[in-house]
Amino acid sequence: MDIVLTVIWFATYLVGTVWYELYIVHMFQQNSYKPREYMEWMQVHSNVGRLLGRCLYGLLSLPLVLIGGHGCVTAACVMNVMTIIVNKPHAAKKPLVYTKRVKRMLMTTVLVYLVVVLLSVLLSAGGFRMAPGESAPTAVGIATHGLHICMVVLTGLFILQPFLILLVNLLNRPIERGVDRYYINDAARILKEMPDLKIIGVTGSYGKTSVKYFLSTLLSSSYNVLHTPGNYNTTLGVVRTIREQMKPFHEIFICEMGAREVGDIKEICDLVHPGYGVITSIGPQHLQSFHTIENIIGTKFELADAVPANGKVFLNYDNEYIRTHKINKNVVSYGTTGNDIDFRAYEIEVSPRGSSFKMKDENGDEYEFHTRLVGNHNVQNIAGAIAVAHTLGIPMEKLKYPVKQLESVEHRLQLKKQGNRIILDDAYNSNKNGFKAALDTLAMFKELRILMTPGMVELGEKQYDENKEVGIYAADKCDYAVLIGKEQTKPIQDGLLEAGFAQNKMIVVDTLQDAFQMVNAIPDEKQKVVLIENDLPDNYA
C-alpha cells in the first residue's frame, strides 16, 4: 500500500471513529446513562437505520483497504471522510455535555481500544507468515502484518461501539457509584445544616417545570427562594443544585422531581425530605420505561407518600388520575373545573395579549388576576402556584403583581411575535393532554391557524393510538397542518383525514427547516398564528 495513503486512511478512520463514539455517548447521555432505556432506544426501527447510516461508510472502508491498490485505498479514504461528515457533531436541542462522567467514559473507551488492539497484535504474532523467498522476518513485513491486524480490530470495535458503551458503563460503575454517593452525602449534609428550610417538591407528567417557575416567582415576593434550574430534575441534578447554589439565607427550596422509572421520585425525596408536595398532572408519558399507567401514578404519588403528616400535598383536581387517587394526607386541591376545589380559577378569558381569570380565597373574597400567558393549562398551573403561595402566608392581593409579571417557560406555549406571525412555541416536549391544551389555545385565535408538529414519542404501544387521537382532535382547531416526518406522523395524518380535514391543507415534510419553509409558502391573506408542538429530542431527530 502507498504509505502516504495508508497514513491518510488511518488518520481519517480514527477521526470518523471518534465522531461516531461521541454520537453514541450523546445518545447514552440523552437516555440518562441508563442501559435499559438506551437499549430500548436502539431497538426503535428508525434508530437502527440511523445507526447503520452513521457506520456504513466505515464498514465499507476496511475491505477496500485490504484489497489494496492505489484506487481501492483512495476509495477507502473517501469512505472515511464520509464517516466523518455524517457523524460530525452538530447543533443539538440538548448538546452533549462534557461532564466528568462523560470524560471518564471517553478515557475508559480509549483504554479499551488500546488494550484490545495490543492484545490482538500480540496474540496474532504467532500467525505471522514470511513472504516467499524471505529467510527472516523483515521490519516492513512485521509492520504490515501488525497494521492489518489493527485495521481489522479497529473495524470490529467500530461496529460494536453502540454496545461497547454498555461495557464501558459497566467497567466504570464502581467509580460512578462512589462519586455519586460522595456528592449525595455532601448535599444531605448541607440540607441537615438548614433545619428551618421549607422544601417543596414538584412533580407531574407535565406542567411541573412551569409550576416550579411560577411558584418561585410568586414566593420570591416574600421569601428568599432557590429552585432547581432548567431540567435539573434527577437526583444528581438536585444534588448539584444544592451543592453549588444553596446558601444559608435561603428560606424555601423548590425541587422539581422527574421520573422515568418506578422509585425515581422516592430517591429524590429520601434526599431532600419535602415538607410540601405539588403533583401537577399524570398521563401516559414515558410508557416505554414505566410500561403501565398504574406505575406512573404510583411513582408520582411517591412524593405525597414522603410528605409528613403536618405537611400539605397540592393536587391538580382537573386531572382525573390525581382526583380519583385517594391518599391519607392534608390535601389542598386546585384547578379550573368543578365546585369542590379549594383554589379554582374561573371566568377565564384569553386573547393575544394573555389571559385573565378570577379566584376566591378561603373567606370567599374574589380576586381578579391578569397574566401575559395564554391557554387554560397555564391558568391551571398558575392556580397551583397561587394555592401554594397563599397557603404559605402570602395574601391574595399581594400575589396579583407577580402573577402579572409571569413569563412563559421557554418553549412551553411561549407567545412570540415574528413579523406578521404569532408563534405559539410549545416545542420543548409533547404529551396528549398538553397537545390538546395547546390546540385549544390555537383554536381561540381568529388568525390563520397553522399546526406544525412531528407528533409525540416515547409512548410505547400507545404511540399510534395517542397520536391518532390528537390528529382527530386537531382537525377543527387548525386551518393547516404541517407534519414533520412521513412515517413518524402517519397516525396524525390518519386522525386528521378520519375527522374530515382537507388533504390539500395537510403538508408532510422531512425536517423542521422544511416545515418553516412550507409555513412561509402558505398564502397569508391574513395574519398567521403557528403552533409549534414538540420538536423531537436528539435521540429521535
Protein backbone atom coordinates (compact mmCIF):
# COMPACT_ATOMS: atom_id res chain seq x y z
CA MET A 1 0.00 0.00 0.00
CA ASP A 2 1.14 3.53 -0.66
CA ILE A 3 2.46 4.75 2.71
CA VAL A 4 1.01 8.26 2.37
CA LEU A 5 -2.45 6.95 1.51
CA THR A 6 -2.22 4.47 4.36
CA VAL A 7 -1.44 7.25 6.84
CA ILE A 8 -4.35 9.30 5.46
CA TRP A 9 -6.66 6.31 5.76
CA PHE A 10 -5.58 5.64 9.33
CA ALA A 11 -5.98 9.29 10.38
CA THR A 12 -9.38 9.73 8.78
CA TYR A 13 -10.58 6.40 10.16
CA LEU A 14 -9.65 7.49 13.69
CA VAL A 15 -11.44 10.83 13.30
CA GLY A 16 -14.56 9.12 11.99
CA THR A 17 -14.41 6.65 14.88
CA VAL A 18 -14.13 9.48 17.42
CA TRP A 19 -17.10 11.36 15.91
CA TYR A 20 -19.17 8.17 15.90
CA GLU A 21 -18.21 7.44 19.52
CA LEU A 22 -19.23 10.96 20.58
CA TYR A 23 -22.62 10.43 18.93
CA ILE A 24 -23.08 7.15 20.83
CA VAL A 25 -22.08 8.80 24.13
CA HIS A 26 -24.51 11.65 23.38
CA MET A 27 -27.36 9.20 22.91
CA PHE A 28 -26.37 7.35 26.09
CA GLN A 29 -26.46 10.66 27.96
CA GLN A 30 -29.83 11.50 26.36
CA ASN A 31 -31.12 8.24 27.81
CA SER A 32 -29.96 9.28 31.31
CA TYR A 33 -27.00 6.84 31.30
CA LYS A 34 -29.49 4.03 31.85
CA PRO A 35 -28.64 0.85 29.91
CA ARG A 36 -32.24 -0.38 29.69
CA GLU A 37 -33.56 2.88 28.26
CA TYR A 38 -30.59 3.06 25.89
CA MET A 39 -31.24 -0.48 24.65
CA GLU A 40 -34.92 0.33 24.12
CA TRP A 41 -33.86 3.39 22.13
CA MET A 42 -31.56 1.24 19.97
CA GLN A 43 -34.39 -1.16 19.21
CA VAL A 44 -36.58 1.55 17.67
CA HIS A 45 -36.66 0.84 13.94
CA SER A 46 -35.74 4.38 12.87
CA ASN A 47 -32.79 4.44 15.26
CA VAL A 48 -31.47 1.13 13.88
CA GLY A 49 -31.42 2.75 10.46
CA ARG A 50 -29.80 5.89 11.87
CA LEU A 51 -27.00 3.89 13.49
CA LEU A 52 -26.46 1.89 10.30
CA GLY A 53 -26.28 5.10 8.28
CA ARG A 54 -23.65 6.53 10.60
CA CYS A 55 -21.37 3.49 10.46
CA LEU A 56 -21.99 2.22 6.89
CA TYR A 57 -19.12 4.10 5.21
CA GLY A 58 -16.73 2.95 7.94
CA LEU A 59 -17.75 -0.68 7.30
CA LEU A 60 -17.08 -0.30 3.58
CA SER A 61 -13.66 1.24 4.21
CA LEU A 62 -11.81 -1.80 5.60
CA PRO A 63 -12.48 -4.28 2.73
CA LEU A 64 -11.29 -1.68 0.25
CA VAL A 65 -8.03 -1.23 2.16
CA LEU A 66 -7.44 -4.97 2.49
CA ILE A 67 -8.00 -5.44 -1.25
CA GLY A 68 -5.16 -2.98 -1.73
CA GLY A 69 -4.11 -0.98 -4.71
CA HIS A 70 -4.00 2.79 -5.16
CA GLY A 71 -7.61 3.07 -6.31
CA CYS A 72 -9.11 0.97 -3.51
CA VAL A 73 -7.17 2.73 -0.76
CA THR A 74 -8.20 6.11 -2.20
CA ALA A 75 -11.84 4.98 -2.19
CA ALA A 76 -11.40 3.79 1.41
CA CYS A 77 -10.15 7.26 2.40
CA VAL A 78 -13.24 8.76 0.74
CA MET A 79 -15.42 6.37 2.79
CA ASN A 80 -13.69 7.59 5.95
CA VAL A 81 -14.32 11.21 5.02
CA MET A 82 -18.00 10.35 4.53
CA THR A 83 -18.00 8.76 8.01
CA ILE A 84 -16.60 12.00 9.42
CA ILE A 85 -19.23 14.08 7.63
CA VAL A 86 -22.25 12.03 8.76
CA ASN A 87 -21.00 11.87 12.37
CA LYS A 88 -19.66 15.39 12.78
CA PRO A 89 -21.21 16.96 15.91
CA HIS A 90 -23.97 19.40 15.05
CA ALA A 91 -26.10 21.91 16.92
CA ALA A 92 -28.47 19.84 19.03
CA LYS A 93 -31.53 20.65 21.09
CA LYS A 94 -29.67 19.22 24.10
CA PRO A 95 -25.97 19.07 23.15
CA LEU A 96 -23.59 16.53 24.60
CA VAL A 97 -22.44 17.90 27.95
CA TYR A 98 -18.84 17.01 28.71
CA THR A 99 -19.42 16.19 32.35
CA LYS A 100 -16.77 14.46 34.42
CA ARG A 101 -18.70 11.25 33.92
CA VAL A 102 -18.60 11.63 30.13
CA LYS A 103 -14.86 12.34 30.27
CA ARG A 104 -14.32 9.20 32.35
CA MET A 105 -16.34 7.19 29.84
CA LEU A 106 -14.25 8.52 26.95
CA MET A 107 -10.99 7.76 28.77
CA THR A 108 -12.16 4.22 29.53
CA THR A 109 -13.17 3.76 25.89
CA VAL A 110 -9.68 4.76 24.74
CA LEU A 111 -8.15 2.31 27.21
CA VAL A 112 -10.43 -0.49 25.98
CA TYR A 113 -9.37 0.26 22.39
CA LEU A 114 -5.68 0.22 23.29
CA VAL A 115 -5.90 -2.99 25.31
CA VAL A 116 -7.89 -4.86 22.65
CA VAL A 117 -5.62 -3.71 19.81
CA LEU A 118 -2.39 -4.55 21.68
CA LEU A 119 -3.65 -7.97 22.75
CA SER A 120 -4.81 -8.72 19.21
CA VAL A 121 -1.45 -7.79 17.74
CA LEU A 122 0.46 -9.84 20.33
CA LEU A 123 -1.80 -12.89 20.00
CA SER A 124 -1.60 -12.78 16.21
CA ALA A 125 2.21 -12.63 16.19
CA GLY A 126 2.33 -16.43 16.06
CA GLY A 127 0.35 -16.39 12.85
CA PHE A 128 2.84 -14.20 11.03
CA ARG A 129 3.91 -15.62 7.67
CA MET A 130 7.03 -14.52 5.81
CA ALA A 131 6.82 -13.69 2.16
CA PRO A 132 8.19 -16.29 -0.32
CA GLY A 133 11.97 -16.10 -0.54
CA GLU A 134 12.43 -14.40 2.84
CA SER A 135 14.77 -16.16 5.25
CA ALA A 136 13.86 -13.92 8.19
CA PRO A 137 11.05 -11.55 9.06
CA THR A 138 11.60 -8.05 7.74
CA ALA A 139 10.60 -4.85 9.53
CA VAL A 140 8.27 -3.95 6.66
CA GLY A 141 6.61 -7.36 6.77
CA ILE A 142 6.09 -7.25 10.52
CA ALA A 143 4.75 -3.66 10.34
CA THR A 144 2.36 -4.55 7.51
CA HIS A 145 1.09 -7.58 9.42
CA GLY A 146 0.56 -5.51 12.57
CA LEU A 147 -1.18 -2.78 10.58
CA HIS A 148 -3.59 -5.27 9.02
CA ILE A 149 -4.44 -6.66 12.47
CA CYS A 150 -5.01 -3.12 13.79
CA MET A 151 -7.30 -2.37 10.85
CA VAL A 152 -9.41 -5.46 11.42
CA VAL A 153 -9.65 -4.92 15.18
CA LEU A 154 -10.48 -1.22 14.81
CA THR A 155 -13.25 -2.07 12.38
CA GLY A 156 -14.64 -4.66 14.79
CA LEU A 157 -14.62 -2.14 17.62
CA PHE A 158 -16.20 0.45 15.30
CA ILE A 159 -19.07 -1.93 14.54
CA LEU A 160 -19.53 -2.73 18.24
CA GLN A 161 -19.44 0.86 19.52
CA PRO A 162 -23.18 1.02 20.28
CA PHE A 163 -22.67 -1.98 22.57
CA LEU A 164 -19.15 -1.06 23.69
CA ILE A 165 -20.61 1.90 25.57
CA LEU A 166 -22.50 -0.57 27.78
CA LEU A 167 -19.24 -2.37 28.62
CA VAL A 168 -17.58 0.96 29.42
CA ASN A 169 -20.51 1.92 31.64
CA LEU A 170 -20.22 -1.44 33.43
CA LEU A 171 -16.48 -1.02 33.96
CA ASN A 172 -16.96 2.48 35.34
CA ARG A 173 -19.91 1.59 37.57
CA PRO A 174 -17.94 1.18 40.83
CA ILE A 175 -16.30 4.56 40.28
CA GLU A 176 -19.57 6.27 39.38
CA ARG A 177 -21.35 4.82 42.40
CA GLY A 178 -18.61 6.03 44.70
CA VAL A 179 -18.62 9.52 43.18
CA ASP A 180 -22.43 9.74 43.30
CA ARG A 181 -22.52 8.59 46.93
CA TYR A 182 -19.98 11.25 47.94
CA TYR A 183 -21.98 14.04 46.26
CA ILE A 184 -25.32 12.80 47.65
CA ASN A 185 -23.93 12.64 51.19
CA ASP A 186 -22.49 16.13 50.84
CA ALA A 187 -25.87 17.51 49.67
CA ALA A 188 -27.62 15.75 52.56
CA ARG A 189 -25.14 17.39 54.96
CA ILE A 190 -25.92 20.86 53.57
CA LEU A 191 -29.69 20.34 54.00
CA LYS A 192 -29.22 18.98 57.52
CA GLU A 193 -27.47 22.22 58.47
CA MET A 194 -30.61 24.20 57.40
CA PRO A 195 -33.41 22.80 59.62
CA ASP A 196 -35.70 25.81 59.02
CA LEU A 197 -35.60 25.48 55.23
CA LYS A 198 -39.04 24.84 53.70
CA ILE A 199 -38.74 22.27 50.91
CA ILE A 200 -41.42 21.97 48.22
CA GLY A 201 -41.34 19.03 45.82
CA VAL A 202 -42.97 19.46 42.41
CA THR A 203 -43.65 16.55 40.09
CA GLY A 204 -46.02 15.51 37.32
CA SER A 205 -46.08 14.02 33.85
CA TYR A 206 -46.26 17.57 32.51
CA GLY A 207 -46.58 21.09 33.92
CA LYS A 208 -44.04 20.59 36.72
CA THR A 209 -41.43 22.91 35.22
CA SER A 210 -43.98 25.67 34.65
CA VAL A 211 -45.38 25.36 38.17
CA LYS A 212 -41.83 25.41 39.56
CA TYR A 213 -41.01 28.70 37.83
CA PHE A 214 -44.40 30.26 38.57
CA LEU A 215 -44.18 29.28 42.22
CA SER A 216 -40.64 30.62 42.52
CA THR A 217 -41.75 33.99 41.13
CA LEU A 218 -44.74 34.23 43.47
CA LEU A 219 -42.88 33.12 46.60
CA SER A 220 -39.94 35.41 45.85
CA SER A 221 -42.17 38.38 46.65
CA SER A 222 -41.89 37.42 50.34
CA TYR A 223 -39.12 34.80 50.71
CA ASN A 224 -35.57 34.04 49.63
CA VAL A 225 -36.17 31.18 47.21
CA LEU A 226 -33.95 28.69 45.44
CA HIS A 227 -35.31 26.38 42.75
CA THR A 228 -33.69 23.66 40.66
CA PRO A 229 -32.70 25.28 37.34
CA GLY A 230 -33.64 24.13 33.86
CA ASN A 231 -34.24 20.40 33.69
CA TYR A 232 -32.22 19.54 36.79
CA ASN A 233 -34.93 17.17 37.97
CA THR A 234 -32.95 13.98 38.61
CA THR A 235 -31.31 13.00 41.88
CA LEU A 236 -27.89 14.16 40.71
CA GLY A 237 -29.37 17.34 39.21
CA VAL A 238 -30.91 18.15 42.60
CA VAL A 239 -27.62 17.29 44.32
CA ARG A 240 -25.71 19.62 42.03
CA THR A 241 -28.19 22.46 42.71
CA ILE A 242 -27.85 22.04 46.47
CA ARG A 243 -24.04 21.81 46.45
CA GLU A 244 -23.47 24.70 44.03
CA GLN A 245 -26.31 27.13 44.77
CA MET A 246 -27.79 26.57 48.24
CA LYS A 247 -26.93 29.44 50.64
CA PRO A 248 -27.64 29.87 54.38
CA PHE A 249 -30.04 32.75 53.67
CA HIS A 250 -32.41 30.65 51.54
CA GLU A 251 -35.80 30.10 53.17
CA ILE A 252 -37.53 27.95 50.56
CA PHE A 253 -36.19 25.30 48.17
CA ILE A 254 -38.43 24.31 45.25
CA CYS A 255 -37.30 20.95 43.96
CA GLU A 256 -38.54 19.69 40.60
CA MET A 257 -38.67 15.90 40.55
CA GLY A 258 -38.59 13.98 37.28
CA ALA A 259 -39.02 10.26 36.82
CA ARG A 260 -38.59 7.66 34.12
CA GLU A 261 -38.76 4.59 36.34
CA VAL A 262 -40.55 3.46 39.49
CA GLY A 263 -38.66 4.69 42.55
CA ASP A 264 -37.08 7.78 40.93
CA ILE A 265 -39.23 10.24 42.92
CA LYS A 266 -38.70 8.33 46.16
CA GLU A 267 -34.94 8.51 45.65
CA ILE A 268 -35.08 12.32 45.44
CA CYS A 269 -37.49 12.53 48.40
CA ASP A 270 -35.17 10.38 50.53
CA LEU A 271 -32.53 13.05 49.95
CA VAL A 272 -34.49 16.32 50.39
CA HIS A 273 -37.40 15.23 52.68
CA PRO A 274 -40.03 17.66 51.31
CA GLY A 275 -42.49 19.28 53.72
CA TYR A 276 -44.85 20.14 50.85
CA GLY A 277 -45.61 18.43 47.56
CA VAL A 278 -47.27 19.50 44.32
CA ILE A 279 -48.49 16.93 41.79
CA THR A 280 -49.33 18.84 38.63
CA SER A 281 -50.55 16.06 36.36
CA ILE A 282 -50.43 12.38 35.49
CA GLY A 283 -50.58 10.97 31.98
CA PRO A 284 -49.20 8.21 29.74
CA GLN A 285 -45.71 9.65 29.30
CA HIS A 286 -42.50 7.53 29.21
CA LEU A 287 -44.55 4.36 28.92
CA GLN A 288 -41.56 2.65 27.31
CA SER A 289 -39.87 2.68 30.72
CA PHE A 290 -42.91 2.72 33.05
CA HIS A 291 -44.91 0.17 30.99
CA THR A 292 -48.26 0.90 32.71
CA ILE A 293 -50.19 3.99 33.80
CA GLU A 294 -50.51 2.42 37.25
CA ASN A 295 -46.72 2.55 37.59
CA ILE A 296 -46.75 6.21 36.62
CA ILE A 297 -49.46 7.02 39.18
CA GLY A 298 -47.61 5.16 41.92
CA THR A 299 -44.34 6.89 41.09
CA LYS A 300 -45.80 10.42 41.08
CA PHE A 301 -47.52 9.77 44.41
CA GLU A 302 -44.18 8.74 45.91
CA LEU A 303 -43.92 12.50 46.53
CA ALA A 304 -47.19 12.51 48.50
CA ASP A 305 -46.00 9.48 50.48
CA ALA A 306 -42.87 11.41 51.51
CA VAL A 307 -44.71 14.50 52.80
CA PRO A 308 -45.04 14.34 56.62
CA ALA A 309 -48.36 14.35 58.48
CA ASN A 310 -48.05 18.07 59.27
CA GLY A 311 -47.25 18.95 55.64
CA LYS A 312 -49.57 19.57 52.70
CA VAL A 313 -49.99 17.97 49.29
CA PHE A 314 -51.29 20.21 46.50
CA LEU A 315 -53.18 18.26 43.85
CA ASN A 316 -54.45 19.30 40.43
CA TYR A 317 -58.06 18.14 40.52
CA ASP A 318 -58.53 18.83 36.81
CA ASN A 319 -56.55 15.63 36.27
CA GLU A 320 -58.71 12.52 36.60
CA TYR A 321 -55.85 10.22 37.65
CA ILE A 322 -54.99 12.59 40.50
CA ARG A 323 -58.54 13.39 41.57
CA THR A 324 -59.55 9.73 41.86
CA HIS A 325 -56.39 8.60 43.69
CA LYS A 326 -57.14 8.82 47.39
CA ILE A 327 -54.39 9.49 49.94
CA ASN A 328 -54.31 9.92 53.69
CA LYS A 329 -52.64 13.35 53.69
CA ASN A 330 -53.57 17.01 54.14
CA VAL A 331 -54.73 17.76 50.59
CA VAL A 332 -55.16 21.21 49.04
CA SER A 333 -56.83 20.99 45.63
CA TYR A 334 -56.59 23.41 42.71
CA GLY A 335 -57.84 23.56 39.12
CA THR A 336 -60.28 25.19 36.72
CA THR A 337 -63.28 22.82 36.78
CA GLY A 338 -65.67 21.65 39.48
CA ASN A 339 -67.00 23.40 42.56
CA ASP A 340 -65.36 21.21 45.18
CA ILE A 341 -61.87 22.64 44.56
CA ASP A 342 -60.06 24.72 47.20
CA PHE A 343 -58.41 27.07 44.69
CA ARG A 344 -60.44 27.28 41.46
CA ALA A 345 -59.74 29.64 38.56
CA TYR A 346 -62.91 30.64 36.73
CA GLU A 347 -64.23 33.13 34.16
CA ILE A 348 -61.07 32.59 32.14
CA GLU A 349 -60.63 34.87 29.13
CA VAL A 350 -57.82 34.51 26.60
CA SER A 351 -56.53 36.92 23.95
CA PRO A 352 -53.26 37.51 22.07
CA ARG A 353 -52.28 39.76 24.99
CA GLY A 354 -52.65 36.99 27.56
CA SER A 355 -55.27 35.67 29.98
CA SER A 356 -57.43 36.91 32.84
CA PHE A 357 -59.27 34.90 35.48
CA LYS A 358 -60.80 35.10 38.94
CA MET A 359 -60.18 33.19 42.17
CA LYS A 360 -61.58 33.23 45.69
CA ASP A 361 -59.72 32.82 48.96
CA GLU A 362 -60.77 30.73 51.96
CA ASN A 363 -63.07 33.56 53.11
CA GLY A 364 -64.94 33.69 49.80
CA ASP A 365 -63.41 37.02 48.74
CA GLU A 366 -62.98 37.30 44.98
CA TYR A 367 -59.79 38.45 43.24
CA GLU A 368 -59.08 39.02 39.55
CA PHE A 369 -55.71 38.10 38.08
CA HIS A 370 -54.09 39.03 34.78
CA THR A 371 -51.19 37.25 33.09
CA ARG A 372 -49.32 37.54 29.82
CA LEU A 373 -49.55 33.78 29.40
CA VAL A 374 -52.14 32.11 27.18
CA GLY A 375 -54.00 28.83 27.48
CA ASN A 376 -56.20 27.20 30.10
CA HIS A 377 -53.40 24.90 31.20
CA ASN A 378 -51.21 27.90 32.02
CA VAL A 379 -54.04 29.30 34.15
CA GLN A 380 -54.31 25.87 35.77
CA ASN A 381 -50.60 25.90 36.62
CA ILE A 382 -50.81 29.47 37.95
CA ALA A 383 -53.73 28.39 40.14
CA GLY A 384 -51.49 25.71 41.65
CA ALA A 385 -48.73 28.25 42.32
CA ILE A 386 -51.23 30.65 43.92
CA ALA A 387 -52.56 27.83 46.11
CA VAL A 388 -49.08 27.05 47.47
CA ALA A 389 -48.02 30.69 47.88
CA HIS A 390 -51.22 31.67 49.68
CA THR A 391 -51.03 28.60 51.93
CA LEU A 392 -47.51 29.69 52.87
CA GLY A 393 -48.81 33.03 54.06
CA ILE A 394 -48.82 35.42 51.09
CA PRO A 395 -52.13 37.37 50.79
CA MET A 396 -54.05 37.01 47.51
CA GLU A 397 -53.89 40.76 46.90
CA LYS A 398 -50.10 40.67 47.12
CA LEU A 399 -49.97 37.89 44.51
CA LYS A 400 -51.64 39.96 41.78
CA TYR A 401 -48.47 41.76 40.69
CA PRO A 402 -46.15 38.72 40.50
CA VAL A 403 -48.85 36.82 38.54
CA LYS A 404 -48.93 39.72 36.08
CA GLN A 405 -45.13 39.51 35.73
CA LEU A 406 -45.03 35.78 34.98
CA GLU A 407 -43.32 34.85 31.74
CA SER A 408 -43.68 31.73 29.67
CA VAL A 409 -41.21 28.97 30.37
CA GLU A 410 -39.06 28.78 27.26
CA HIS A 411 -40.59 26.56 24.56
CA ARG A 412 -43.70 25.82 26.66
CA LEU A 413 -46.53 27.54 24.78
CA GLN A 414 -44.39 30.65 24.67
CA LEU A 415 -46.10 33.54 22.87
CA LYS A 416 -43.78 35.23 20.35
CA LYS A 417 -44.13 37.75 17.55
CA GLN A 418 -42.19 37.22 14.32
CA GLY A 419 -43.05 39.85 11.75
CA ASN A 420 -46.65 39.27 10.73
CA ARG A 421 -46.73 35.91 12.50
CA ILE A 422 -47.71 34.92 16.02
CA ILE A 423 -45.73 31.91 17.26
CA LEU A 424 -47.03 29.60 19.97
CA ASP A 425 -43.78 27.84 20.84
CA ASP A 426 -44.65 24.59 22.63
CA ALA A 427 -41.59 22.81 21.27
CA TYR A 428 -39.89 21.52 24.43
CA ASN A 429 -41.84 18.27 24.56
CA SER A 430 -45.30 16.92 23.99
CA ASN A 431 -47.91 14.75 25.64
CA LYS A 432 -51.54 14.13 24.79
CA ASN A 433 -53.11 16.46 27.36
CA GLY A 434 -50.56 19.20 26.74
CA PHE A 435 -51.01 18.77 22.98
CA LYS A 436 -54.78 19.14 23.31
CA ALA A 437 -54.43 22.15 25.60
CA ALA A 438 -52.15 23.83 23.05
CA LEU A 439 -54.65 23.07 20.28
CA ASP A 440 -57.43 24.59 22.39
CA THR A 441 -55.34 27.73 22.68
CA LEU A 442 -54.68 27.77 18.93
CA ALA A 443 -58.41 27.43 18.27
CA MET A 444 -59.10 30.67 20.17
CA PHE A 445 -57.27 32.78 17.61
CA LYS A 446 -59.05 34.40 14.67
CA GLU A 447 -55.90 34.49 12.54
CA LEU A 448 -54.86 31.79 10.04
CA ARG A 449 -54.11 28.87 12.34
CA ILE A 450 -51.23 26.52 11.49
CA LEU A 451 -50.19 23.42 13.41
CA MET A 452 -46.56 22.34 12.97
CA THR A 453 -45.53 19.09 14.70
CA PRO A 454 -43.65 15.79 14.41
CA GLY A 455 -46.12 14.23 16.85
CA MET A 456 -45.42 12.58 20.18
CA VAL A 457 -42.77 9.99 21.04
CA GLU A 458 -41.89 7.55 23.85
CA LEU A 459 -45.46 6.26 24.17
CA GLY A 460 -44.67 2.58 23.72
CA GLU A 461 -47.52 0.52 22.37
CA LYS A 462 -49.84 3.54 22.60
CA GLN A 463 -47.74 5.52 20.13
CA TYR A 464 -50.15 5.11 17.22
CA ASP A 465 -53.42 5.50 19.14
CA GLU A 466 -52.35 8.57 21.13
CA ASN A 467 -51.06 10.37 18.04
CA LYS A 468 -54.14 9.48 16.01
CA GLU A 469 -56.33 10.80 18.83
CA VAL A 470 -54.64 14.21 18.78
CA GLY A 471 -54.89 14.19 14.99
CA ILE A 472 -58.66 13.79 15.24
CA TYR A 473 -58.77 16.46 17.95
CA ALA A 474 -56.75 18.91 15.82
CA ALA A 475 -58.99 18.69 12.75
CA ASP A 476 -61.31 21.60 13.65
CA LYS A 477 -58.70 23.64 15.53
CA CYS A 478 -56.26 24.45 12.76
CA ASP A 479 -56.53 25.62 9.15
CA TYR A 480 -53.28 23.97 8.02
CA ALA A 481 -51.26 21.09 9.44
CA VAL A 482 -47.53 20.91 8.64
CA LEU A 483 -46.32 17.46 9.77
CA ILE A 484 -42.64 16.57 10.14
CA GLY A 485 -41.74 13.01 9.14
CA LYS A 486 -43.82 10.86 6.80
CA GLU A 487 -43.69 7.72 8.95
CA GLN A 488 -43.46 9.44 12.33
CA THR A 489 -46.67 11.44 11.73
CA LYS A 490 -48.67 8.71 9.97
CA PRO A 491 -51.06 8.35 12.96
CA ILE A 492 -51.75 12.11 13.00
CA GLN A 493 -52.33 12.05 9.24
CA ASP A 494 -54.83 9.21 9.69
CA GLY A 495 -56.58 11.06 12.51
CA LEU A 496 -56.88 14.32 10.58
CA LEU A 497 -58.27 12.60 7.49
CA GLU A 498 -60.69 10.49 9.54
CA ALA A 499 -62.05 13.69 11.09
CA GLY A 500 -62.62 15.23 7.67
CA PHE A 501 -59.59 17.53 7.46
CA ALA A 502 -58.85 18.67 3.89
CA GLN A 503 -55.94 16.68 2.49
CA ASN A 504 -54.68 19.64 0.46
CA LYS A 505 -54.19 21.55 3.73
CA MET A 506 -52.10 18.78 5.27
CA ILE A 507 -48.43 19.16 4.35
CA VAL A 508 -45.87 16.46 5.19
CA VAL A 509 -42.15 17.33 5.17
CA ASP A 510 -38.90 15.67 6.25
CA THR A 511 -37.25 18.25 8.50
CA LEU A 512 -38.01 21.17 10.79
CA GLN A 513 -36.32 23.50 8.32
CA ASP A 514 -38.59 22.25 5.53
CA ALA A 515 -41.58 22.82 7.81
CA PHE A 516 -40.71 26.50 8.29
CA GLN A 517 -40.29 26.91 4.54
CA MET A 518 -43.75 25.45 3.93
CA VAL A 519 -45.27 27.70 6.60
CA ASN A 520 -43.78 30.69 4.78
CA ALA A 521 -45.22 29.40 1.49
CA ILE A 522 -48.81 29.16 2.80
CA PRO A 523 -50.85 32.08 1.41
CA ASP A 524 -51.15 34.77 4.08
CA GLU A 525 -54.23 36.80 3.24
CA LYS A 526 -54.44 37.35 6.99
CA GLN A 527 -52.01 37.13 9.91
CA LYS A 528 -50.70 33.66 10.73
CA VAL A 529 -50.56 32.04 14.13
CA VAL A 530 -48.27 28.98 14.21
CA LEU A 531 -48.35 26.38 16.96
CA ILE A 532 -45.00 24.55 17.15
CA GLU A 533 -45.94 21.44 19.10
CA ASN A 534 -42.87 19.39 20.04
CA ASP A 535 -39.60 19.16 18.20
CA LEU A 536 -38.15 15.71 18.54
CA PRO A 537 -35.35 15.13 21.05
CA ASP A 538 -31.92 14.50 19.58
CA ASN A 539 -32.18 10.74 20.06
CA TYR A 540 -35.18 10.78 17.68
CA ALA A 541 -34.02 13.56 15.35
